[in-house]
Amino acid sequence: MLSGVMAAQLVVALLALTSLCAAAPEPNCKELVKPLVLDNHSPIYGKWVLHVASWDEPGLKDDLIAVNSSWVELSASSDSAFISLYWADRLREKCLQGSTNATVSGMTSHTTFNINGHTSYHEGKYYETCSDCLLSEDTTLLPDGKSKGRYLFLFSKVFPSLSHIYSH
């Protein structure tokens, strides 16, 4: 999943955004990193396929390099304080999938995953980007609430004609 080419593409994309920000007037820079408000009309809802990912702590790399492919489906729940999240990861020859609810507070989501008996806690933020893209910052939290590190995920929208491939 995280080939050298894909990692290089993410670095190039982030450098391009940085150079645009450096060359643009101040108001345009703020628009490039504008967090999305997570409400009932949020553009994050839908099916998304992981395109590329990055991390800031060496210990997080091992978790990502085992992933061959990944998708998520985010949808509003009847309670506006929650987002329903379905996910599936292809890890080597295994397919892991599950669902959970993310608690929403303004522009931040809090999610607990239980995967194969291992519980992990995550704080997420989503940022405006192209209409068919989703940029997600995921902070992995230790049980004491301290950060283990952050992931940056870039997802591509799954179009309705392909949604049968990514079903749960």
Protein backbone atom coordinates (compact mmCIF):
# COMPACT_ATOMS: atom_id res chain seq x y z
CA MET A 1 0.00 0.00 0.00
CA LEU A 2 2.66 2.51 0.92
CA SER A 3 5.12 2.04 -1.87
CA GLY A 4 7.97 4.45 -2.26
CA VAL A 5 6.16 5.96 -5.24
CA MET A 6 3.00 6.69 -3.25
CA ALA A 7 4.97 8.15 -0.36
CA ALA A 8 6.88 10.31 -2.83
CA GLN A 9 3.57 11.45 -4.38
CA LEU A 10 2.30 12.54 -0.97
CA VAL A 11 5.52 14.44 -0.25
CA VAL A 12 5.33 16.17 -3.64
CA ALA A 13 1.68 17.08 -3.08
CA LEU A 14 2.40 18.49 0.36
CA LEU A 15 5.41 20.42 -0.94
CA ALA A 16 3.25 21.83 -3.73
CA LEU A 17 0.67 22.99 -1.19
CA THR A 18 3.43 24.51 0.91
CA SER A 19 4.91 26.36 -2.06
CA LEU A 20 1.47 27.63 -3.06
CA CYS A 21 0.96 28.84 0.47
CA ALA A 22 4.34 30.56 0.54
CA ALA A 23 3.64 32.36 -2.74
CA ALA A 24 0.01 33.28 -2.03
CA PRO A 25 -1.32 36.15 0.05
CA GLU A 26 -2.16 35.32 3.67
CA PRO A 27 -5.96 34.80 3.26
CA ASN A 28 -5.43 32.09 0.61
CA CYS A 29 -3.03 30.19 2.87
CA LYS A 30 -5.67 29.89 5.56
CA GLU A 31 -8.09 28.41 3.04
CA LEU A 32 -5.64 25.61 2.20
CA VAL A 33 -5.69 24.21 5.72
CA LYS A 34 -9.29 24.94 6.71
CA PRO A 35 -10.70 22.23 8.98
CA LEU A 36 -14.16 20.96 8.07
CA VAL A 37 -17.05 21.33 10.49
CA LEU A 38 -18.50 17.88 11.15
CA ASP A 39 -22.25 18.40 10.89
CA ASN A 40 -25.17 16.65 9.20
CA HIS A 41 -24.22 18.15 5.82
CA SER A 42 -20.53 17.40 6.03
CA PRO A 43 -18.65 16.67 2.79
CA ILE A 44 -16.79 13.83 4.52
CA TYR A 45 -19.80 11.52 4.22
CA GLY A 46 -19.54 8.73 1.67
CA LYS A 47 -17.22 5.88 0.73
CA TRP A 48 -13.51 6.61 0.52
CA VAL A 49 -10.50 4.55 -0.60
CA LEU A 50 -7.13 5.21 0.98
CA HIS A 51 -4.77 6.56 -1.65
CA VAL A 52 -1.68 7.42 0.40
CA ALA A 53 -0.69 7.81 4.06
CA SER A 54 2.12 9.27 6.11
CA TRP A 55 3.14 9.29 9.78
CA ASP A 56 5.21 11.42 12.12
CA GLU A 57 6.58 8.81 14.55
CA PRO A 58 8.71 5.82 13.47
CA GLY A 59 6.66 3.40 15.59
CA LEU A 60 3.55 4.08 13.50
CA LYS A 61 5.20 2.96 10.27
CA ASP A 62 4.86 -0.75 11.08
CA ASP A 63 1.08 -0.44 11.38
CA LEU A 64 0.80 1.13 7.93
CA ILE A 65 3.23 -0.93 5.89
CA ALA A 66 1.19 -4.07 6.65
CA VAL A 67 -1.87 -2.52 4.95
CA ASN A 68 -2.30 -3.45 1.28
CA SER A 69 -5.54 -1.50 0.83
CA SER A 70 -8.15 0.24 2.92
CA TRP A 71 -11.56 1.90 2.61
CA VAL A 72 -13.92 3.70 4.96
CA GLU A 73 -17.56 4.71 4.76
CA LEU A 74 -18.60 7.70 6.84
CA SER A 75 -22.27 8.55 7.37
CA ALA A 76 -24.41 10.71 9.60
CA SER A 77 -26.21 9.00 12.44
CA SER A 78 -29.60 9.90 13.88
CA ASP A 79 -27.74 11.63 16.72
CA SER A 80 -25.73 14.59 15.39
CA ALA A 81 -23.10 13.98 18.09
CA PHE A 82 -21.96 10.82 16.26
CA ILE A 83 -20.65 9.74 12.86
CA SER A 84 -21.08 6.10 11.79
CA LEU A 85 -17.86 4.62 10.45
CA TYR A 86 -17.50 1.33 8.53
CA TRP A 87 -14.02 0.25 7.53
CA ALA A 88 -12.07 -2.57 5.91
CA ASP A 89 -8.33 -3.13 5.67
CA ARG A 90 -6.51 -5.74 3.62
CA LEU A 91 -3.53 -6.82 5.75
CA ARG A 92 -1.33 -9.22 3.86
CA GLU A 93 -3.76 -12.11 3.20
CA LYS A 94 -6.40 -11.11 5.76
CA CYS A 95 -9.37 -8.81 5.45
CA LEU A 96 -10.22 -7.00 8.66
CA GLN A 97 -13.43 -5.01 8.83
CA GLY A 98 -15.65 -3.43 11.39
CA SER A 99 -17.78 -0.53 12.42
CA THR A 100 -17.76 2.03 15.18
CA ASN A 101 -19.25 5.38 16.06
CA ALA A 102 -17.12 8.48 16.24
CA THR A 103 -18.08 11.14 18.76
CA VAL A 104 -18.18 14.58 17.14
CA SER A 105 -17.32 17.86 18.79
CA GLY A 106 -17.15 20.79 16.36
CA MET A 107 -14.30 20.00 13.98
CA THR A 108 -12.90 17.00 15.88
CA SER A 109 -13.94 13.36 16.03
CA HIS A 110 -13.04 10.85 18.74
CA THR A 111 -13.09 7.18 17.81
CA THR A 112 -12.32 3.91 19.59
CA PHE A 113 -11.39 0.91 17.45
CA ASN A 114 -11.28 -2.66 18.73
CA ILE A 115 -9.37 -4.75 16.20
CA ASN A 116 -8.48 -8.36 17.03
CA GLY A 117 -8.75 -7.62 20.75
CA HIS A 118 -6.52 -4.54 20.53
CA THR A 119 -8.18 -1.24 21.47
CA SER A 120 -6.91 2.03 20.03
CA TYR A 121 -8.13 5.57 20.55
CA HIS A 122 -8.06 8.22 17.83
CA GLU A 123 -8.71 11.92 17.50
CA GLY A 124 -9.48 13.01 13.95
CA LYS A 125 -9.67 16.21 11.96
CA TYR A 126 -10.68 16.56 8.33
CA TYR A 127 -9.57 19.30 5.97
CA GLU A 128 -11.00 20.92 2.87
CA THR A 129 -9.36 19.73 -0.31
CA CYS A 130 -10.59 18.76 -3.80
CA SER A 131 -14.25 17.69 -4.13
CA ASP A 132 -13.36 14.01 -4.65
CA CYS A 133 -10.66 13.91 -1.96
CA LEU A 134 -10.60 13.69 1.81
CA LEU A 135 -7.57 14.74 3.84
CA SER A 136 -7.64 13.33 7.36
CA GLU A 137 -5.31 13.93 10.28
CA ASP A 138 -5.52 11.07 12.78
CA THR A 139 -3.83 11.35 16.17
CA THR A 140 -3.42 7.97 17.87
CA LEU A 141 -3.87 8.33 21.61
CA LEU A 142 -2.44 6.19 24.39
CA PRO A 143 -4.79 5.10 27.23
CA ASP A 144 -3.55 8.06 29.32
CA GLY A 145 -4.63 10.47 26.55
CA LYS A 146 -1.11 11.35 25.39
CA SER A 147 -0.31 11.24 21.69
CA LYS A 148 1.41 8.16 20.26
CA GLY A 149 1.78 9.99 16.95
CA ARG A 150 -0.15 11.27 13.95
CA TYR A 151 -1.14 9.88 10.59
CA LEU A 152 -2.05 11.92 7.56
CA PHE A 153 -4.42 10.07 5.21
CA LEU A 154 -5.45 11.10 1.71
CA PHE A 155 -8.60 9.34 0.52
CA SER A 156 -10.29 9.32 -2.90
CA LYS A 157 -14.07 9.26 -3.27
CA VAL A 158 -15.64 5.96 -4.36
CA PHE A 159 -18.08 6.74 -7.14
CA PRO A 160 -21.50 5.03 -7.05
CA SER A 161 -20.69 2.90 -10.10
CA LEU A 162 -17.81 1.30 -8.13
CA SER A 163 -19.40 1.14 -4.68
CA HIS A 164 -20.22 -2.58 -5.01
CA ILE A 165 -16.47 -3.29 -4.86
CA TYR A 166 -16.22 -1.58 -1.47
CA SER A 167 -19.28 -2.94 0.33
CA HIS A 168 -19.65 -4.20 3.85
